[in-house]
Amino acid sequence: MICDIFEKNKNVALNHKQIAAKLNIKEPEAISTILEVLVDQTDQGVFIRPERGKFKLKELKTFINGIVDLTADGSAFVIPEDEFEKDIFVAPRKLRSALNGDRVKVYVYAKKNKGKRKEGEVVEILQRSKTDFIGVAKVSAQYAFVIPDDRKMLHDIFVPLDKINGAKNGQKVQVHMTDWPEGAKNPVGEIIHVLGNQGENNTEMNAILAQYGFPLRFPDAVEKEANAFPKTISEADLKDRRDFRKVTTFTIDPFDAKDFDDAISVEYLPDGNYEIGVHIADVSHFVKPKSNLDKEAYERATSVYLVDRVIPMLPEVLSNELCSLRPNEDKLTFSAVFVLDAQAKVLSQWFGRTVIHSDRRFTYEEAQEIIEYKSGEYAKELLLLNDLAYILRAEKFKDGAINFEGTEVKFKLDEQGKPIGVYVKERKDAHKLIEDFMLLANRKVAEFIATKVKGKNKLTFVYRSHDSPNLESLNQFSTFASRFGYKINTKSDREIARSLNHLMQDVEGKKEQNILTQLAIRSMAKAIYTTKKTSHYGLAFDYYTHFTSPIRRYPDVMVHRLLAHYLAGGKSESAEFFEAASSHSSAMEKRAADAERASIKYKQAEYLENNVGSVFKGIISGVTEWGMYVEIIENKCEGMIRLRDISDDFYVLDEKNYCIVGQRKNKKYQLGDEVDVRVKKVDLAKKQIDFSLVQAE
């Protein structure tokens, strides 16, 4: 307690009365005791007397709080919460029981050598990053362990036999860490869920979901609440809703979709203009604040799309039935309705709650066929929407939007979920048509709220924000793109957008398309949800939000609630609450994207497992100090060639020039080079593919 006073006051010299005052101690006996402690601890070497009657710490201990970033060798860097502090190195034996991602308190040693990095030791674990892990159970007659899949979890978890929950040796499980006794080498846990046998599709997909913290089922209370809604719309539900049931309306979605978020209506007006309605499932009619459904939706924040399944944000009775805009059924919606002229100029707009009746459910393929052949059901409406979408798209790019057309890999799966083929999904006019009208609705809703109140009294709202790119990252990408003959002009935001769009057009269909697109996207800032009214750089919109997918995104539910509140004349809501909710949604969105990537990597490994020994043409997609990543051109599967396996020379990384170089013969392998690779080994558990270089063989 006395030491804390000196630490808080930067170790200035204090007498015993000053210390008593800072501790709010007034009793004479207690003040005398402080003096006795100071004298005693000075004799012990804790304090020194710089002047008569005053004391100070002999050595000022420095403590910082931060997040553990574990390395492969078991040491760690603690990233301080104070952004101006440098990372603290912590040796493995000084970590105590801290794990990757934990928030910890670190004692920082006094630096002995100038310029040497700071070192320290963990003295307290303030908050565990995670206590649940996915791994393989190893069960014997005397004890059990779980070997975690997480490469940054370097400790097996000991499980008493009465806590294995029926798990058998070799099964994949979810284990909850319950304790880590002082001095024990391993933490102790209990198996809370047996996922199944390794290698089975359901087991592996559920393992990915559990690994990223997404629940495998809805709580009973949530299901009960969802099932309690009436299956039909009542007259009370229709009160104060604009009726679009007689207006031509349809949906366009993937062939395997079940949750239809959005529908489009088309009405030809007598003056030659068009009324286009963007109708979105009215999820907020069902999911009320603070209900069990709302709490669960908030926690999940998003639906998760794995290779072979969707894990919905809402129970299926809502996502696939009550809220889904299925054909030939009356549905409650929240709509953005626009009057457009033949040049796609918005002449007027209206926002509010509606009821629709979808006349037709199109797949993208069906709508595309009608657009291409200019005949079929609702051809007139589809062709009009396509013409208007082309104009909206051209305007967007003219204003500086960036056209990122990455390749999306899809798998053909057999009945057991095993991949039997890989193909690249094409994006045609039908996809872009829907996207352009969704962008229009999102932009206009954001503009409406952002400009609704003039002056300082702005309305709290949830925006989708995208910062301009970091110039250092962009310059690195520009250097790499120049190796393929592409030039990026970084003089201004508009020039960046213009040259990136030229690049995206030029690379379409070429072998380097996927790599250049992915690297370009990585050089951009990440889009986030926020209550701050900032622009969307990638789309070149001053204001942007997410209004069009409330079945699968919680921010859209918040946007619907706020829009309805303000349309009814409500006052500005709490910015603090919605900023926290936005931040949570952004984090969960990233987690869902990581889970999706993990499922793709698993399926790629599974697909190539049957192709060990086969030779493919690939393109070098990444270089590191231990190897180079190669993406197979025909199926986009990515694996690694380890430098130690290239036997014709000793290769090292030239980080500046994105290549690896042979030290004797000076042979180079550069990012973007085409190479022949043989599938050497596949590790399904680690989702890793190893290649060997055919030339080196």
Foldseek 3Di string as FASTA:
>chain_A
DLLVVCLVVVFDWDALVVSCVVVVHDDPVVSVVSNVVQVVVVVVVQWDDPDPRIITGPDRKDKFKFFWAADLVQKTWGCGPPNVDDTATEGNVQAQPAFHGFIFMWTWDDDPDPPDGIYTGTDGGPGHPFFKFKAFWADDPAWIWGDGLPSRPPAIETEGPVQAVPDDHQFIFIWGFDADDGPDPHTYIGTDGGLGHPPFPSSVLVNLCVRLPHDPDADPQQVVLLVPDDQADDPVNQPPAAEAAVFAKEFEAAPPDQQGFWMWTWDQDPVQWIKIKIWGFQVCVRDPPPGSLLVQLLLLQFWFDAQPDIRWSHPCCCRRGQRGLDAQGKHKTWIKMFIAHQLLDTPDIDTGIHIYHHHYYHYLVRLVVCCVVCDDPPSVVSVSLLSSLVSLVVVQVVLQAADQDAWDKHFDADPSRAGPDIDTDDDDSSNSSVVSVQQVRQQVLFVCQQPVDDDDQGAFAKFWAWDFFDVVLVVLLQLVVVVVVAHADPPDLNSRRVSNNVVQVVCVPPLCNNLSSVSVVVRTGDIFIARDQQAHSNRSGSTGHRQRGVRGGVSNSRRSVSSNCVVVVHGHDDRVVVRVSRRSSRVSVVSSVVSNVLSVLLSLLSNCQVQAFPKAKWFFRADDQFWTWTAGRRRRHIATEGQVQQPPARWGDPPSQQWIAGPPPRDIRHGGDIFMWGFHDGDSSSSHTYIHGPVSD
